[in-house]
């Protein structure tokens, strides 16, 4: 449970393929990920296999 007087994170978005996607450019975005409206999680969906990333990182 966080401090209720704490300002919420100001999210930044970009448009790609007619879809608005959230910018995850800094650690602050990851720290505040739980505050992101669940309707916007589709923009964060990404396969975790078959990419040039360590699958443990993506998991």
C-alpha atoms as a PDB file:
ATOM      1  CA  UNK A   1       0.000   0.000   0.000  1.00  0.00           C
ATOM      2  CA  UNK A   2       1.594   3.250  -1.138  1.00  0.00           C
ATOM      3  CA  UNK A   3       1.260   6.764   0.124  1.00  0.00           C
ATOM      4  CA  UNK A   4      -2.119   8.090  -1.081  1.00  0.00           C
ATOM      5  CA  UNK A   5      -0.758  11.652  -1.399  1.00  0.00           C
ATOM      6  CA  UNK A   6       1.947  10.496  -3.778  1.00  0.00           C
ATOM      7  CA  UNK A   7       1.648  11.863  -7.329  1.00  0.00           C
ATOM      8  CA  UNK A   8       0.936   9.210  -9.903  1.00  0.00           C
ATOM      9  CA  UNK A   9       3.427   8.583 -12.678  1.00  0.00           C
ATOM     10  CA  UNK A  10       2.941  10.580 -15.886  1.00  0.00           C
ATOM     11  CA  UNK A  11       2.947   8.050 -18.717  1.00  0.00           C
ATOM     12  CA  UNK A  12       4.249   8.787 -22.210  1.00  0.00           C
ATOM     13  CA  UNK A  13       2.913   7.053 -25.302  1.00  0.00           C
ATOM     14  CA  UNK A  14       3.852   6.685 -28.942  1.00  0.00           C
ATOM     15  CA  UNK A  15       1.752   5.561 -31.881  1.00  0.00           C
ATOM     16  CA  UNK A  16       2.870   2.569 -33.948  1.00  0.00           C
ATOM     17  CA  UNK A  17       0.729   0.580 -36.353  1.00  0.00           C
ATOM     18  CA  UNK A  18      -2.418   2.525 -35.388  1.00  0.00           C
ATOM     19  CA  UNK A  19      -1.945   1.463 -31.756  1.00  0.00           C
ATOM     20  CA  UNK A  20      -0.908   3.700 -28.881  1.00  0.00           C
ATOM     21  CA  UNK A  21       1.910   2.106 -26.924  1.00  0.00           C
ATOM     22  CA  UNK A  22       3.399   3.087 -23.596  1.00  0.00           C
ATOM     23  CA  UNK A  23       7.038   4.200 -23.521  1.00  0.00           C
ATOM     24  CA  UNK A  24       9.241   2.118 -21.214  1.00  0.00           C
ATOM     25  CA  UNK A  25      12.460   4.131 -21.495  1.00  0.00           C
ATOM     26  CA  UNK A  26      13.484   4.592 -17.867  1.00  0.00           C
ATOM     27  CA  UNK A  27      13.460   2.642 -14.652  1.00  0.00           C
ATOM     28  CA  UNK A  28      10.659   4.897 -13.394  1.00  0.00           C
ATOM     29  CA  UNK A  29       8.267   3.305 -15.869  1.00  0.00           C
ATOM     30  CA  UNK A  30       9.060  -0.151 -14.532  1.00  0.00           C
ATOM     31  CA  UNK A  31       8.741   1.063 -10.936  1.00  0.00           C
ATOM     32  CA  UNK A  32       5.248   2.422 -11.670  1.00  0.00           C
ATOM     33  CA  UNK A  33       4.075  -0.382 -13.960  1.00  0.00           C
ATOM     34  CA  UNK A  34       1.521  -1.554 -11.408  1.00  0.00           C
ATOM     35  CA  UNK A  35      -0.180   1.865 -11.719  1.00  0.00           C
ATOM     36  CA  UNK A  36      -0.736   1.558 -15.475  1.00  0.00           C
ATOM     37  CA  UNK A  37      -4.421   1.223 -16.348  1.00  0.00           C
ATOM     38  CA  UNK A  38      -5.087  -2.445 -17.165  1.00  0.00           C
ATOM     39  CA  UNK A  39      -6.838  -1.429 -20.387  1.00  0.00           C
ATOM     40  CA  UNK A  40      -3.410  -0.365 -21.652  1.00  0.00           C
ATOM     41  CA  UNK A  41      -1.658  -3.680 -20.974  1.00  0.00           C
ATOM     42  CA  UNK A  42      -2.397  -4.915 -24.497  1.00  0.00           C
ATOM     43  CA  UNK A  43       0.171  -2.385 -25.679  1.00  0.00           C
ATOM     44  CA  UNK A  44       2.740  -4.125 -23.494  1.00  0.00           C
ATOM     45  CA  UNK A  45       2.023  -7.630 -24.736  1.00  0.00           C
ATOM     46  CA  UNK A  46       5.058  -9.232 -26.301  1.00  0.00           C
ATOM     47  CA  UNK A  47       6.049 -12.815 -27.023  1.00  0.00           C
ATOM     48  CA  UNK A  48       8.748 -14.105 -24.691  1.00  0.00           C
ATOM     49  CA  UNK A  49      10.167 -16.724 -27.032  1.00  0.00           C
ATOM     50  CA  UNK A  50      11.832 -16.454 -30.416  1.00  0.00           C
ATOM     51  CA  UNK A  51      13.290 -12.988 -29.797  1.00  0.00           C
ATOM     52  CA  UNK A  52      16.910 -11.884 -29.496  1.00  0.00           C
ATOM     53  CA  UNK A  53      16.489 -11.373 -25.733  1.00  0.00           C
ATOM     54  CA  UNK A  54      17.204 -13.713 -22.913  1.00  0.00           C
ATOM     55  CA  UNK A  55      13.787 -15.315 -22.290  1.00  0.00           C
ATOM     56  CA  UNK A  56      14.313 -14.960 -18.503  1.00  0.00           C
ATOM     57  CA  UNK A  57      14.479 -11.179 -18.940  1.00  0.00           C
ATOM     58  CA  UNK A  58      11.227 -11.101 -20.887  1.00  0.00           C
ATOM     59  CA  UNK A  59       9.493 -13.458 -18.453  1.00  0.00           C
END
